[in-house]
C-alpha cells in the first residue's frame, strides 16, 4: 500500500512537471513563430506596403514567417539588398522566394529584409522592407482578424510537441 501511494505521488509530480514544461514550450513557440500575410490584399502592384506596415503596427521577430500571396504567372518575390531595393534593381538578388504564388519565407536573423517584384512591378509599389528584431515580448492571446490583417497560425512543430507531451503524460499516468 505504502509503495503504491509513492508511485501515485511520483506520477502526479512527473505529470505536473511535464505539463509545466509543455506550457513553457508552447509560450516560447508562440512567441517565436508567427505567420504574417504580406499586404491586406496580397502581393499586388499599386499597393503601399509601407502604409500596410504602419497601419498594422506589426513587429517581426527571428523565427517569424512571411506569406506572399500572388499570381505566380505575373509576379515574383525576390529578396534583395538595400541598394537594389531603393533602386528597384532585380539583378543580383539574394534569394528568389517564388515557388507557387503562396510562398513563405522564414525570417532567420535580426536584420532588415528587403523584398521586391521584378519586371518593373517594383516601380508600381511591389516592394517591402521588414525590420526583424531578436526577441518577442511576452505574447498576448492570439486572435484572428478580418480584412487580411495578420493572424497567428500554430506551427507544425508546436502541434507535434503538444501531441508528444500529451502522450508522455498519459503514459506516466496510466502505465
C-alpha atoms as a PDB file:
ATOM      1  CA  UNK A   1       0.000   0.000   0.000  1.00  0.00           C
ATOM      2  CA  UNK A   2       2.694   2.452   1.034  1.00  0.00           C
ATOM      3  CA  UNK A   3       4.667   1.848  -2.169  1.00  0.00           C
ATOM      4  CA  UNK A   4       1.526   2.366  -4.248  1.00  0.00           C
ATOM      5  CA  UNK A   5       0.993   5.817  -2.688  1.00  0.00           C
ATOM      6  CA  UNK A   6       4.541   6.884  -3.517  1.00  0.00           C
ATOM      7  CA  UNK A   7       4.095   5.716  -7.085  1.00  0.00           C
ATOM      8  CA  UNK A   8       0.891   7.737  -7.452  1.00  0.00           C
ATOM      9  CA  UNK A   9       2.513  10.847  -5.930  1.00  0.00           C
ATOM     10  CA  UNK A  10       5.570  10.372  -8.160  1.00  0.00           C
ATOM     11  CA  UNK A  11       3.368  10.053 -11.250  1.00  0.00           C
ATOM     12  CA  UNK A  12       1.407  13.159 -10.259  1.00  0.00           C
ATOM     13  CA  UNK A  13       4.571  15.209  -9.705  1.00  0.00           C
ATOM     14  CA  UNK A  14       6.034  13.993 -13.013  1.00  0.00           C
ATOM     15  CA  UNK A  15       2.749  14.741 -14.773  1.00  0.00           C
ATOM     16  CA  UNK A  16       2.713  18.282 -13.348  1.00  0.00           C
ATOM     17  CA  UNK A  17       6.330  18.808 -14.414  1.00  0.00           C
ATOM     18  CA  UNK A  18       5.569  17.625 -17.957  1.00  0.00           C
ATOM     19  CA  UNK A  19       2.559  19.945 -18.093  1.00  0.00           C
ATOM     20  CA  UNK A  20       4.642  22.912 -16.881  1.00  0.00           C
ATOM     21  CA  UNK A  21       7.386  22.243 -19.440  1.00  0.00           C
ATOM     22  CA  UNK A  22       4.758  21.851 -22.185  1.00  0.00           C
ATOM     23  CA  UNK A  23       3.162  25.203 -21.320  1.00  0.00           C
ATOM     24  CA  UNK A  24       6.556  26.952 -21.254  1.00  0.00           C
ATOM     25  CA  UNK A  25       7.481  25.454 -24.649  1.00  0.00           C
ATOM     26  CA  UNK A  26       4.124  26.434 -26.157  1.00  0.00           C
ATOM     27  CA  UNK A  27       4.569  30.020 -24.966  1.00  0.00           C
ATOM     28  CA  UNK A  28       8.115  30.081 -26.381  1.00  0.00           C
ATOM     29  CA  UNK A  29       6.972  28.631 -29.728  1.00  0.00           C
ATOM     30  CA  UNK A  30       4.051  31.039 -29.932  1.00  0.00           C
ATOM     31  CA  UNK A  31       6.375  33.953 -29.301  1.00  0.00           C
ATOM     32  CA  UNK A  32       8.952  32.778 -31.818  1.00  0.00           C
ATOM     33  CA  UNK A  33       6.924  31.620 -34.781  1.00  0.00           C
ATOM     34  CA  UNK A  34       4.096  33.562 -36.316  1.00  0.00           C
ATOM     35  CA  UNK A  35       2.945  33.722 -39.909  1.00  0.00           C
ATOM     36  CA  UNK A  36       2.100  37.099 -41.428  1.00  0.00           C
ATOM     37  CA  UNK A  37       0.377  37.629 -44.767  1.00  0.00           C
ATOM     38  CA  UNK A  38       2.124  40.455 -46.614  1.00  0.00           C
ATOM     39  CA  UNK A  39      -0.423  43.132 -47.540  1.00  0.00           C
ATOM     40  CA  UNK A  40      -4.125  43.089 -46.773  1.00  0.00           C
ATOM     41  CA  UNK A  41      -4.874  42.154 -50.408  1.00  0.00           C
ATOM     42  CA  UNK A  42      -1.735  40.120 -51.049  1.00  0.00           C
ATOM     43  CA  UNK A  43       1.355  40.852 -53.168  1.00  0.00           C
ATOM     44  CA  UNK A  44      -0.027  43.142 -55.892  1.00  0.00           C
ATOM     45  CA  UNK A  45       1.010  46.284 -57.815  1.00  0.00           C
ATOM     46  CA  UNK A  46      -0.169  49.781 -56.867  1.00  0.00           C
ATOM     47  CA  UNK A  47      -0.292  48.948 -53.175  1.00  0.00           C
ATOM     48  CA  UNK A  48       1.604  50.803 -50.448  1.00  0.00           C
ATOM     49  CA  UNK A  49       3.312  48.180 -48.289  1.00  0.00           C
ATOM     50  CA  UNK A  50       4.876  50.859 -46.083  1.00  0.00           C
ATOM     51  CA  UNK A  51       1.371  52.024 -45.185  1.00  0.00           C
ATOM     52  CA  UNK A  52       0.390  48.383 -44.564  1.00  0.00           C
ATOM     53  CA  UNK A  53       3.278  48.035 -42.095  1.00  0.00           C
ATOM     54  CA  UNK A  54       2.442  51.324 -40.376  1.00  0.00           C
ATOM     55  CA  UNK A  55      -1.274  50.548 -40.122  1.00  0.00           C
ATOM     56  CA  UNK A  56      -0.829  47.017 -38.864  1.00  0.00           C
ATOM     57  CA  UNK A  57       1.801  48.080 -36.290  1.00  0.00           C
ATOM     58  CA  UNK A  58       3.402  44.683 -36.705  1.00  0.00           C
ATOM     59  CA  UNK A  59       6.707  43.746 -35.182  1.00  0.00           C
ATOM     60  CA  UNK A  60       8.628  40.895 -36.711  1.00  0.00           C
ATOM     61  CA  UNK A  61      10.932  38.632 -34.756  1.00  0.00           C
ATOM     62  CA  UNK A  62      13.513  35.967 -35.561  1.00  0.00           C
ATOM     63  CA  UNK A  63      11.604  32.774 -36.377  1.00  0.00           C
ATOM     64  CA  UNK A  64       8.525  34.515 -37.824  1.00  0.00           C
ATOM     65  CA  UNK A  65       7.316  33.704 -41.335  1.00  0.00           C
ATOM     66  CA  UNK A  66       6.053  35.952 -44.152  1.00  0.00           C
ATOM     67  CA  UNK A  67       3.384  34.687 -46.547  1.00  0.00           C
ATOM     68  CA  UNK A  68       3.336  36.229 -50.015  1.00  0.00           C
ATOM     69  CA  UNK A  69       0.100  35.556 -51.929  1.00  0.00           C
ATOM     70  CA  UNK A  70       0.235  36.471 -55.638  1.00  0.00           C
ATOM     71  CA  UNK A  71      -0.255  35.364 -59.249  1.00  0.00           C
ATOM     72  CA  UNK A  72       2.944  33.441 -59.973  1.00  0.00           C
ATOM     73  CA  UNK A  73       2.462  33.883 -63.733  1.00  0.00           C
ATOM     74  CA  UNK A  74       2.657  37.672 -63.439  1.00  0.00           C
ATOM     75  CA  UNK A  75       4.754  38.441 -60.364  1.00  0.00           C
ATOM     76  CA  UNK A  76       7.566  37.092 -58.219  1.00  0.00           C
ATOM     77  CA  UNK A  77       9.207  37.758 -54.862  1.00  0.00           C
ATOM     78  CA  UNK A  78      12.935  38.395 -54.653  1.00  0.00           C
ATOM     79  CA  UNK A  79      14.981  39.134 -51.569  1.00  0.00           C
ATOM     80  CA  UNK A  80      17.477  41.900 -52.413  1.00  0.00           C
ATOM     81  CA  UNK A  81      19.953  44.156 -50.639  1.00  0.00           C
ATOM     82  CA  UNK A  82      19.130  47.725 -49.565  1.00  0.00           C
ATOM     83  CA  UNK A  83      20.651  49.390 -52.648  1.00  0.00           C
ATOM     84  CA  UNK A  84      18.722  47.132 -55.021  1.00  0.00           C
ATOM     85  CA  UNK A  85      15.561  47.778 -53.008  1.00  0.00           C
ATOM     86  CA  UNK A  86      15.988  51.565 -53.185  1.00  0.00           C
ATOM     87  CA  UNK A  87      16.690  51.428 -56.959  1.00  0.00           C
ATOM     88  CA  UNK A  88      14.156  48.679 -57.788  1.00  0.00           C
ATOM     89  CA  UNK A  89      17.013  46.625 -59.216  1.00  0.00           C
ATOM     90  CA  UNK A  90      16.199  42.926 -59.547  1.00  0.00           C
ATOM     91  CA  UNK A  91      19.671  41.957 -60.808  1.00  0.00           C
ATOM     92  CA  UNK A  92      21.908  40.054 -58.394  1.00  0.00           C
ATOM     93  CA  UNK A  93      19.102  39.264 -55.961  1.00  0.00           C
ATOM     94  CA  UNK A  94      19.899  37.364 -52.760  1.00  0.00           C
ATOM     95  CA  UNK A  95      17.107  34.786 -52.996  1.00  0.00           C
ATOM     96  CA  UNK A  96      14.134  34.017 -55.222  1.00  0.00           C
ATOM     97  CA  UNK A  97      11.209  33.265 -52.891  1.00  0.00           C
ATOM     98  CA  UNK A  98       8.833  32.454 -55.752  1.00  0.00           C
ATOM     99  CA  UNK A  99       7.521  28.883 -55.887  1.00  0.00           C
ATOM    100  CA  UNK A 100       3.784  28.700 -56.427  1.00  0.00           C
ATOM    101  CA  UNK A 101       2.121  32.001 -55.580  1.00  0.00           C
ATOM    102  CA  UNK A 102       1.501  31.116 -51.928  1.00  0.00           C
ATOM    103  CA  UNK A 103       5.088  31.356 -50.807  1.00  0.00           C
ATOM    104  CA  UNK A 104       6.613  31.669 -47.362  1.00  0.00           C
ATOM    105  CA  UNK A 105       9.981  32.837 -46.141  1.00  0.00           C
ATOM    106  CA  UNK A 106      11.279  32.487 -42.610  1.00  0.00           C
ATOM    107  CA  UNK A 107      12.966  35.469 -41.001  1.00  0.00           C
ATOM    108  CA  UNK A 108      16.040  33.766 -39.558  1.00  0.00           C
ATOM    109  CA  UNK A 109      18.164  36.751 -38.482  1.00  0.00           C
ATOM    110  CA  UNK A 110      17.650  40.027 -36.653  1.00  0.00           C
ATOM    111  CA  UNK A 111      18.182  42.481 -39.505  1.00  0.00           C
ATOM    112  CA  UNK A 112      16.314  44.389 -42.196  1.00  0.00           C
ATOM    113  CA  UNK A 113      14.955  42.248 -45.064  1.00  0.00           C
ATOM    114  CA  UNK A 114      14.169  43.750 -48.477  1.00  0.00           C
ATOM    115  CA  UNK A 115      11.732  42.157 -50.933  1.00  0.00           C
ATOM    116  CA  UNK A 116      10.567  43.268 -54.368  1.00  0.00           C
ATOM    117  CA  UNK A 117       8.919  42.001 -57.529  1.00  0.00           C
ATOM    118  CA  UNK A 118      10.896  42.170 -60.768  1.00  0.00           C
ATOM    119  CA  UNK A 119       9.726  43.049 -64.263  1.00  0.00           C
ATOM    120  CA  UNK A 120       9.167  46.703 -63.382  1.00  0.00           C
ATOM    121  CA  UNK A 121       6.498  45.930 -60.780  1.00  0.00           C
ATOM    122  CA  UNK A 122       8.734  47.267 -58.021  1.00  0.00           C
ATOM    123  CA  UNK A 123       8.218  50.729 -59.521  1.00  0.00           C
ATOM    124  CA  UNK A 124       4.459  50.107 -59.092  1.00  0.00           C
ATOM    125  CA  UNK A 125       4.850  49.595 -55.335  1.00  0.00           C
ATOM    126  CA  UNK A 126       5.627  45.874 -55.163  1.00  0.00           C
ATOM    127  CA  UNK A 127       8.377  46.175 -52.586  1.00  0.00           C
ATOM    128  CA  UNK A 128       8.530  45.902 -48.817  1.00  0.00           C
ATOM    129  CA  UNK A 129      11.251  46.319 -46.193  1.00  0.00           C
ATOM    130  CA  UNK A 130      10.792  44.298 -42.999  1.00  0.00           C
ATOM    131  CA  UNK A 131      12.765  45.022 -39.832  1.00  0.00           C
ATOM    132  CA  UNK A 132      13.304  41.856 -37.762  1.00  0.00           C
ATOM    133  CA  UNK A 133      14.081  42.022 -34.054  1.00  0.00           C
ATOM    134  CA  UNK A 134      15.813  39.443 -31.853  1.00  0.00           C
ATOM    135  CA  UNK A 135      13.239  38.650 -29.192  1.00  0.00           C
ATOM    136  CA  UNK A 136       9.492  38.896 -28.979  1.00  0.00           C
ATOM    137  CA  UNK A 137       7.890  40.283 -25.821  1.00  0.00           C
ATOM    138  CA  UNK A 138       5.597  38.032 -23.817  1.00  0.00           C
ATOM    139  CA  UNK A 139       2.839  37.139 -26.277  1.00  0.00           C
ATOM    140  CA  UNK A 140      -0.722  38.351 -25.913  1.00  0.00           C
ATOM    141  CA  UNK A 141      -3.538  35.875 -26.560  1.00  0.00           C
ATOM    142  CA  UNK A 142      -3.645  35.070 -30.278  1.00  0.00           C
ATOM    143  CA  UNK A 143      -6.615  36.281 -32.256  1.00  0.00           C
ATOM    144  CA  UNK A 144      -7.583  36.092 -35.870  1.00  0.00           C
ATOM    145  CA  UNK A 145      -8.767  39.253 -37.549  1.00  0.00           C
ATOM    146  CA  UNK A 146     -10.547  40.013 -40.792  1.00  0.00           C
ATOM    147  CA  UNK A 147      -9.642  42.159 -43.786  1.00  0.00           C
ATOM    148  CA  UNK A 148      -6.295  40.484 -44.354  1.00  0.00           C
ATOM    149  CA  UNK A 149      -4.650  41.552 -41.120  1.00  0.00           C
ATOM    150  CA  UNK A 150      -2.068  39.054 -39.970  1.00  0.00           C
ATOM    151  CA  UNK A 151      -3.374  36.151 -37.971  1.00  0.00           C
ATOM    152  CA  UNK A 152      -1.351  33.840 -35.761  1.00  0.00           C
ATOM    153  CA  UNK A 153      -1.042  30.303 -37.028  1.00  0.00           C
ATOM    154  CA  UNK A 154       0.034  27.350 -34.912  1.00  0.00           C
ATOM    155  CA  UNK A 155       3.210  25.839 -36.301  1.00  0.00           C
ATOM    156  CA  UNK A 156       3.520  22.168 -37.146  1.00  0.00           C
ATOM    157  CA  UNK A 157       6.365  21.839 -34.659  1.00  0.00           C
ATOM    158  CA  UNK A 158       4.157  23.133 -31.855  1.00  0.00           C
ATOM    159  CA  UNK A 159       1.382  20.656 -32.715  1.00  0.00           C
ATOM    160  CA  UNK A 160       3.880  17.782 -32.708  1.00  0.00           C
ATOM    161  CA  UNK A 161       5.312  18.983 -29.392  1.00  0.00           C
ATOM    162  CA  UNK A 162       1.875  19.187 -27.789  1.00  0.00           C
ATOM    163  CA  UNK A 163       0.941  15.715 -29.051  1.00  0.00           C
ATOM    164  CA  UNK A 164       4.219  14.266 -27.752  1.00  0.00           C
ATOM    165  CA  UNK A 165       3.809  15.823 -24.295  1.00  0.00           C
ATOM    166  CA  UNK A 166       0.183  14.696 -24.002  1.00  0.00           C
ATOM    167  CA  UNK A 167       1.172  11.145 -24.996  1.00  0.00           C
ATOM    168  CA  UNK A 168       4.044  11.185 -22.491  1.00  0.00           C
ATOM    169  CA  UNK A 169       1.737  12.410 -19.745  1.00  0.00           C
ATOM    170  CA  UNK A 170      -0.804   9.662 -20.496  1.00  0.00           C
ATOM    171  CA  UNK A 171       1.950   7.058 -20.357  1.00  0.00           C
ATOM    172  CA  UNK A 172       3.104   8.336 -16.962  1.00  0.00           C
ATOM    173  CA  UNK A 173      -0.403   8.387 -15.519  1.00  0.00           C
ATOM    174  CA  UNK A 174      -1.690   5.070 -16.836  1.00  0.00           C
ATOM    175  CA  UNK A 175       1.321   2.774 -17.043  1.00  0.00           C
END
